[in-house]
Every structure is written in structure tokens, then in C-alpha cells.
Amino acid sequence: MPAGGWDSTPPCVQHGVTGTPYPNVYPAYEKCADFFTFGPGSTINTMTDGVSTSYWILTALGFTVMCIALVAWVVSEDRKLKRQSAYLIKAGVAKTVHEELGVTGGSRGT
């Protein structure tokens, strides 16, 4: 066990492999296709076979958080733009800009 008390090594890592000058460099990880800290690895040459449920949970959680953050950012920016446009209309800046550009009628120049 490491000093912190957690053994974060995935089950695909082999301990005590001998026969090479550097036994901890490649042979110990030979059976691992991928892994992450505090998570198990998957099987070699497969897309999803042997992948732990924690991979799918982590992926779904990350995707959900990303979507929520994107929507929150769009809503925040929309509120800022609406406040700014209301301020510009109230201050008369929008009317001045339209007059300087020669825009008549609606906002599309009609």
C-alpha cells in the first residue's frame, strides 16, 4: 500500500515481473490497454469489452457537466447582451449610431 493508504493501481498491472533490466517500465503494463488513476483498465484491442462501468459513468458525468456549463455560459452572455442593449437604447446611443449610419426604419435598414 502507498503512504496515503490507497492502492490506485489498476488490476491489469502485473507486480514483480522479472526478466528485463527494467522490470517496471513496460512488462508490468503489458496487459493494460488504458487506465486512469483510481480506475480500472480495459482489455487490449477492444473498443468497449472489459471496460468498467466507472468509465461510462465518468464519461456521462463529464459530458453532462460540459453541457450544463455551455448552456450556463450562453444564458449568461445573453443576459449581458440584453442588459447592454437596454442601456444603449435608454441612453440614446443606438439612435445616434443609426442616424450616423443613415439607417432609417427598423433595425434591418428597411
N, C-alpha and C. Protein backbone atom coordinates (compact mmCIF):
# COMPACT_ATOMS: atom_id res chain seq x y z
N MET A 1 0.83 -1.19 0.00
CA MET A 1 0.00 0.00 0.00
C MET A 1 0.87 1.25 0.00
N PRO A 2 0.49 2.25 -0.77
CA PRO A 2 1.21 3.52 -0.74
C PRO A 2 1.02 4.23 0.59
N ALA A 3 1.76 5.30 0.77
CA ALA A 3 1.73 6.03 2.04
C ALA A 3 0.34 6.59 2.36
N GLY A 4 -0.43 6.97 1.32
CA GLY A 4 -1.75 7.55 1.56
C GLY A 4 -2.80 6.52 1.94
N GLY A 5 -2.51 5.24 1.74
CA GLY A 5 -3.47 4.21 2.09
C GLY A 5 -4.27 3.68 0.92
N TRP A 6 -4.20 4.31 -0.24
CA TRP A 6 -4.95 3.88 -1.41
C TRP A 6 -4.02 3.19 -2.40
N ASP A 7 -4.41 2.06 -2.87
CA ASP A 7 -3.68 1.41 -3.94
C ASP A 7 -4.44 1.70 -5.22
N SER A 8 -3.97 2.70 -5.96
CA SER A 8 -4.69 3.15 -7.15
C SER A 8 -4.27 2.40 -8.41
N THR A 9 -3.45 1.36 -8.27
CA THR A 9 -3.00 0.59 -9.42
C THR A 9 -4.15 -0.22 -10.00
N PRO A 10 -4.41 -0.12 -11.31
CA PRO A 10 -5.48 -0.93 -11.90
C PRO A 10 -5.12 -2.41 -11.87
N PRO A 11 -6.11 -3.29 -11.94
CA PRO A 11 -5.84 -4.72 -11.85
C PRO A 11 -5.04 -5.29 -13.01
N CYS A 12 -4.94 -4.58 -14.13
CA CYS A 12 -4.19 -5.11 -15.27
C CYS A 12 -2.68 -4.98 -15.08
N VAL A 13 -2.21 -4.20 -14.12
CA VAL A 13 -0.78 -4.04 -13.88
C VAL A 13 -0.26 -5.25 -13.13
N GLN A 14 0.82 -5.83 -13.65
CA GLN A 14 1.44 -7.01 -13.02
C GLN A 14 2.58 -6.55 -12.12
N HIS A 15 2.60 -7.07 -10.91
CA HIS A 15 3.66 -6.70 -9.98
C HIS A 15 4.71 -7.81 -9.94
N GLY A 16 5.97 -7.42 -9.75
CA GLY A 16 7.05 -8.39 -9.60
C GLY A 16 7.43 -9.09 -10.88
N VAL A 17 7.31 -8.44 -12.02
CA VAL A 17 7.69 -9.05 -13.30
C VAL A 17 9.21 -9.03 -13.41
N THR A 18 9.79 -10.17 -13.76
CA THR A 18 11.25 -10.25 -13.88
C THR A 18 11.64 -10.60 -15.31
N GLY A 19 12.93 -10.58 -15.56
CA GLY A 19 13.43 -11.00 -16.88
C GLY A 19 13.86 -9.85 -17.76
N THR A 20 13.68 -8.63 -17.36
CA THR A 20 14.15 -7.49 -18.14
C THR A 20 14.99 -6.61 -17.23
N PRO A 21 15.89 -5.82 -17.81
CA PRO A 21 16.72 -4.96 -16.94
C PRO A 21 15.88 -3.90 -16.20
N TYR A 22 14.77 -3.52 -16.78
CA TYR A 22 13.90 -2.52 -16.16
C TYR A 22 12.51 -3.12 -16.02
N PRO A 23 12.27 -3.93 -15.01
CA PRO A 23 11.01 -4.67 -14.92
C PRO A 23 9.78 -3.80 -14.72
N ASN A 24 9.94 -2.57 -14.32
CA ASN A 24 8.76 -1.73 -14.07
C ASN A 24 8.43 -0.81 -15.24
N VAL A 25 9.20 -0.88 -16.34
CA VAL A 25 8.97 0.05 -17.43
C VAL A 25 7.86 -0.41 -18.36
N TYR A 26 7.99 -1.57 -19.00
CA TYR A 26 6.96 -1.99 -19.94
C TYR A 26 6.23 -3.28 -19.54
N PRO A 27 6.93 -4.35 -19.18
CA PRO A 27 6.24 -5.62 -18.93
C PRO A 27 5.14 -5.54 -17.87
N ALA A 28 5.31 -4.72 -16.90
CA ALA A 28 4.28 -4.63 -15.86
C ALA A 28 2.96 -4.11 -16.42
N TYR A 29 3.02 -3.30 -17.48
CA TYR A 29 1.82 -2.68 -18.07
C TYR A 29 1.41 -3.37 -19.37
N GLU A 30 2.01 -4.50 -19.68
CA GLU A 30 1.79 -5.19 -20.95
C GLU A 30 0.33 -5.57 -21.18
N LYS A 31 -0.39 -5.91 -20.16
CA LYS A 31 -1.78 -6.34 -20.30
C LYS A 31 -2.78 -5.18 -20.22
N CYS A 32 -2.29 -3.98 -20.07
CA CYS A 32 -3.18 -2.82 -19.96
C CYS A 32 -3.29 -2.11 -21.30
N ALA A 33 -4.50 -1.84 -21.73
CA ALA A 33 -4.70 -1.03 -22.93
C ALA A 33 -4.75 0.44 -22.53
N ASP A 34 -5.41 0.70 -21.45
CA ASP A 34 -5.50 2.06 -20.92
C ASP A 34 -5.95 1.98 -19.47
N PHE A 35 -5.67 2.99 -18.74
CA PHE A 35 -6.15 3.07 -17.36
C PHE A 35 -6.02 4.50 -16.88
N PHE A 36 -6.70 4.81 -15.83
CA PHE A 36 -6.56 6.11 -15.20
C PHE A 36 -6.46 5.91 -13.70
N THR A 37 -5.93 6.89 -13.01
CA THR A 37 -5.74 6.78 -11.58
C THR A 37 -7.07 6.56 -10.88
N PHE A 38 -7.10 5.65 -9.95
CA PHE A 38 -8.28 5.26 -9.19
C PHE A 38 -9.36 4.64 -10.08
N GLY A 39 -8.97 4.08 -11.22
CA GLY A 39 -9.93 3.42 -12.10
C GLY A 39 -9.31 2.21 -12.76
N PRO A 40 -10.11 1.22 -13.12
CA PRO A 40 -9.58 0.02 -13.76
C PRO A 40 -9.31 0.24 -15.24
N GLY A 41 -8.51 -0.62 -15.83
CA GLY A 41 -8.20 -0.53 -17.25
C GLY A 41 -9.12 -1.42 -18.06
N SER A 42 -8.99 -1.33 -19.38
CA SER A 42 -9.79 -2.17 -20.26
C SER A 42 -8.89 -3.22 -20.90
N THR A 43 -9.47 -4.09 -21.70
CA THR A 43 -8.71 -5.15 -22.35
C THR A 43 -8.08 -4.63 -23.63
N ILE A 44 -6.99 -5.23 -24.03
CA ILE A 44 -6.26 -4.78 -25.22
C ILE A 44 -7.06 -5.12 -26.48
N ASN A 45 -6.96 -4.25 -27.49
CA ASN A 45 -7.55 -4.42 -28.81
C ASN A 45 -9.08 -4.50 -28.80
N THR A 46 -9.70 -3.87 -27.87
CA THR A 46 -11.16 -3.83 -27.86
C THR A 46 -11.61 -2.40 -27.68
N MET A 47 -12.79 -2.11 -28.17
CA MET A 47 -13.33 -0.76 -28.03
C MET A 47 -14.00 -0.61 -26.68
N THR A 48 -14.84 -1.57 -26.32
CA THR A 48 -15.57 -1.46 -25.07
C THR A 48 -15.55 -2.73 -24.24
N ASP A 49 -15.04 -3.83 -24.76
CA ASP A 49 -15.02 -5.08 -23.99
C ASP A 49 -14.10 -4.94 -22.78
N GLY A 50 -14.59 -5.31 -21.65
CA GLY A 50 -13.79 -5.27 -20.44
C GLY A 50 -13.70 -3.90 -19.81
N VAL A 51 -14.35 -2.91 -20.40
CA VAL A 51 -14.32 -1.57 -19.83
C VAL A 51 -15.25 -1.53 -18.63
N SER A 52 -14.75 -0.97 -17.58
CA SER A 52 -15.52 -0.91 -16.35
C SER A 52 -16.67 0.08 -16.48
N THR A 53 -17.69 -0.14 -15.69
CA THR A 53 -18.84 0.77 -15.65
C THR A 53 -18.41 2.17 -15.23
N SER A 54 -17.35 2.26 -14.44
CA SER A 54 -16.88 3.57 -13.98
C SER A 54 -16.44 4.45 -15.15
N TYR A 55 -15.92 3.85 -16.22
CA TYR A 55 -15.58 4.63 -17.41
C TYR A 55 -16.83 5.31 -17.98
N TRP A 56 -17.89 4.54 -18.11
CA TRP A 56 -19.13 5.10 -18.69
C TRP A 56 -19.73 6.14 -17.77
N ILE A 57 -19.69 5.90 -16.47
CA ILE A 57 -20.22 6.88 -15.51
C ILE A 57 -19.41 8.16 -15.58
N LEU A 58 -18.08 8.03 -15.60
CA LEU A 58 -17.22 9.21 -15.68
C LEU A 58 -17.42 9.96 -16.98
N THR A 59 -17.55 9.24 -18.09
CA THR A 59 -17.79 9.88 -19.39
C THR A 59 -19.13 10.61 -19.41
N ALA A 60 -20.19 9.95 -18.92
CA ALA A 60 -21.51 10.58 -18.88
C ALA A 60 -21.51 11.79 -17.96
N LEU A 61 -20.84 11.68 -16.83
CA LEU A 61 -20.77 12.80 -15.90
C LEU A 61 -20.03 13.98 -16.52
N GLY A 62 -18.91 13.71 -17.19
CA GLY A 62 -18.15 14.78 -17.84
C GLY A 62 -18.94 15.44 -18.96
N PHE A 63 -19.66 14.64 -19.76
CA PHE A 63 -20.47 15.18 -20.84
C PHE A 63 -21.60 16.05 -20.28
N THR A 64 -22.24 15.58 -19.21
CA THR A 64 -23.33 16.34 -18.59
C THR A 64 -22.84 17.67 -18.04
N VAL A 65 -21.71 17.64 -17.33
CA VAL A 65 -21.15 18.88 -16.77
C VAL A 65 -20.77 19.84 -17.89
N MET A 66 -20.20 19.32 -18.98
CA MET A 66 -19.83 20.17 -20.10
C MET A 66 -21.06 20.85 -20.71
N CYS A 67 -22.14 20.08 -20.91
CA CYS A 67 -23.37 20.64 -21.49
C CYS A 67 -23.98 21.69 -20.57
N ILE A 68 -24.02 21.41 -19.28
CA ILE A 68 -24.57 22.38 -18.32
C ILE A 68 -23.74 23.65 -18.32
N ALA A 69 -22.41 23.52 -18.35
CA ALA A 69 -21.55 24.70 -18.38
C ALA A 69 -21.75 25.51 -19.66
N LEU A 70 -21.91 24.83 -20.78
CA LEU A 70 -22.12 25.53 -22.05
C LEU A 70 -23.44 26.30 -22.05
N VAL A 71 -24.50 25.66 -21.59
CA VAL A 71 -25.80 26.33 -21.52
C VAL A 71 -25.75 27.50 -20.55
N ALA A 72 -25.10 27.32 -19.40
CA ALA A 72 -24.99 28.42 -18.43
C ALA A 72 -24.20 29.59 -19.01
N TRP A 73 -23.17 29.30 -19.78
CA TRP A 73 -22.38 30.37 -20.40
C TRP A 73 -23.21 31.13 -21.44
N VAL A 74 -23.97 30.40 -22.26
CA VAL A 74 -24.80 31.05 -23.28
C VAL A 74 -25.87 31.91 -22.62
N VAL A 75 -26.51 31.41 -21.58
CA VAL A 75 -27.54 32.19 -20.87
C VAL A 75 -26.92 33.43 -20.24
N SER A 76 -25.74 33.28 -19.65
CA SER A 76 -25.06 34.42 -19.03
C SER A 76 -24.72 35.49 -20.06
N GLU A 77 -24.17 35.08 -21.19
CA GLU A 77 -23.83 36.04 -22.24
C GLU A 77 -25.08 36.70 -22.82
N ASP A 78 -26.17 35.95 -22.96
CA ASP A 78 -27.42 36.51 -23.46
C ASP A 78 -27.93 37.60 -22.52
N ARG A 79 -27.88 37.33 -21.22
CA ARG A 79 -28.31 38.34 -20.24
C ARG A 79 -27.45 39.60 -20.32
N LYS A 80 -26.15 39.42 -20.48
CA LYS A 80 -25.25 40.58 -20.59
C LYS A 80 -25.59 41.41 -21.83
N LEU A 81 -25.82 40.73 -22.96
CA LEU A 81 -26.15 41.44 -24.19
C LEU A 81 -27.48 42.17 -24.09
N LYS A 82 -28.46 41.55 -23.45
CA LYS A 82 -29.76 42.21 -23.28
C LYS A 82 -29.64 43.44 -22.39
N ARG A 83 -28.85 43.33 -21.29
CA ARG A 83 -28.63 44.49 -20.42
C ARG A 83 -27.93 45.61 -21.18
N GLN A 84 -26.92 45.24 -21.97
CA GLN A 84 -26.18 46.25 -22.72
C GLN A 84 -27.06 46.91 -23.76
N SER A 85 -27.88 46.14 -24.46
CA SER A 85 -28.75 46.74 -25.47
C SER A 85 -29.80 47.64 -24.83
N ALA A 86 -30.33 47.23 -23.67
CA ALA A 86 -31.30 48.08 -22.96
C ALA A 86 -30.65 49.38 -22.52
N TYR A 87 -29.40 49.31 -22.07
CA TYR A 87 -28.69 50.52 -21.65
C TYR A 87 -28.45 51.44 -22.85
N LEU A 88 -28.02 50.86 -23.97
CA LEU A 88 -27.75 51.67 -25.15
C LEU A 88 -29.01 52.33 -25.68
N ILE A 89 -30.13 51.62 -25.65
CA ILE A 89 -31.39 52.20 -26.10
C ILE A 89 -31.82 53.31 -25.16
N LYS A 90 -31.71 53.07 -23.86
CA LYS A 90 -32.11 54.07 -22.86
C LYS A 90 -31.24 55.31 -22.95
N ALA A 91 -29.94 55.11 -23.17
CA ALA A 91 -29.02 56.25 -23.23
C ALA A 91 -29.10 56.98 -24.57
N GLY A 92 -29.80 56.40 -25.54
CA GLY A 92 -29.94 57.05 -26.83
C GLY A 92 -28.78 56.78 -27.76
N VAL A 93 -27.86 55.93 -27.37
CA VAL A 93 -26.69 55.64 -28.19
C VAL A 93 -27.11 54.93 -29.48
N ALA A 94 -28.04 54.00 -29.37
CA ALA A 94 -28.48 53.25 -30.55
C ALA A 94 -29.07 54.19 -31.60
N LYS A 95 -29.86 55.17 -31.16
CA LYS A 95 -30.46 56.12 -32.10
C LYS A 95 -29.38 56.95 -32.79
N THR A 96 -28.39 57.36 -32.03
CA THR A 96 -27.30 58.17 -32.58
C THR A 96 -26.51 57.38 -33.62
N VAL A 97 -26.23 56.13 -33.33
CA VAL A 97 -25.48 55.29 -34.27
C VAL A 97 -26.28 55.10 -35.55
N HIS A 98 -27.57 54.85 -35.43
CA HIS A 98 -28.41 54.67 -36.61
C HIS A 98 -28.45 55.94 -37.45
N GLU A 99 -28.50 57.09 -36.78
CA GLU A 99 -28.52 58.36 -37.53
C GLU A 99 -27.20 58.59 -38.25
N GLU A 100 -26.09 58.25 -37.58
CA GLU A 100 -24.78 58.44 -38.21
C GLU A 100 -24.59 57.51 -39.41
N LEU A 101 -25.15 56.32 -39.33
CA LEU A 101 -25.02 55.38 -40.44
C LEU A 101 -26.05 55.61 -41.53
N GLY A 102 -27.02 56.44 -41.26
CA GLY A 102 -28.06 56.72 -42.26
C GLY A 102 -29.10 55.64 -42.33
N VAL A 103 -29.27 54.87 -41.25
CA VAL A 103 -30.26 53.81 -41.22
C VAL A 103 -31.61 54.42 -40.92
N THR A 104 -32.61 54.07 -41.72
CA THR A 104 -33.95 54.55 -41.45
C THR A 104 -34.88 53.36 -41.24
N GLY A 105 -35.90 53.52 -40.47
CA GLY A 105 -36.85 52.44 -40.25
C GLY A 105 -36.37 51.48 -39.17
N GLY A 106 -36.59 50.17 -39.41
CA GLY A 106 -36.27 49.14 -38.42
C GLY A 106 -34.78 48.87 -38.31
N SER A 107 -34.48 47.87 -37.56
CA SER A 107 -33.07 47.56 -37.30
C SER A 107 -32.37 46.95 -38.52
N ARG A 108 -33.13 46.53 -39.54
CA ARG A 108 -32.52 45.92 -40.72
C ARG A 108 -32.38 46.94 -41.86
N GLY A 109 -32.64 48.18 -41.56
CA GLY A 109 -32.44 49.20 -42.58
C GLY A 109 -33.58 49.32 -43.56
N THR A 110 -34.76 48.81 -43.18
CA THR A 110 -35.88 48.90 -44.09
C THR A 110 -36.75 50.10 -43.78
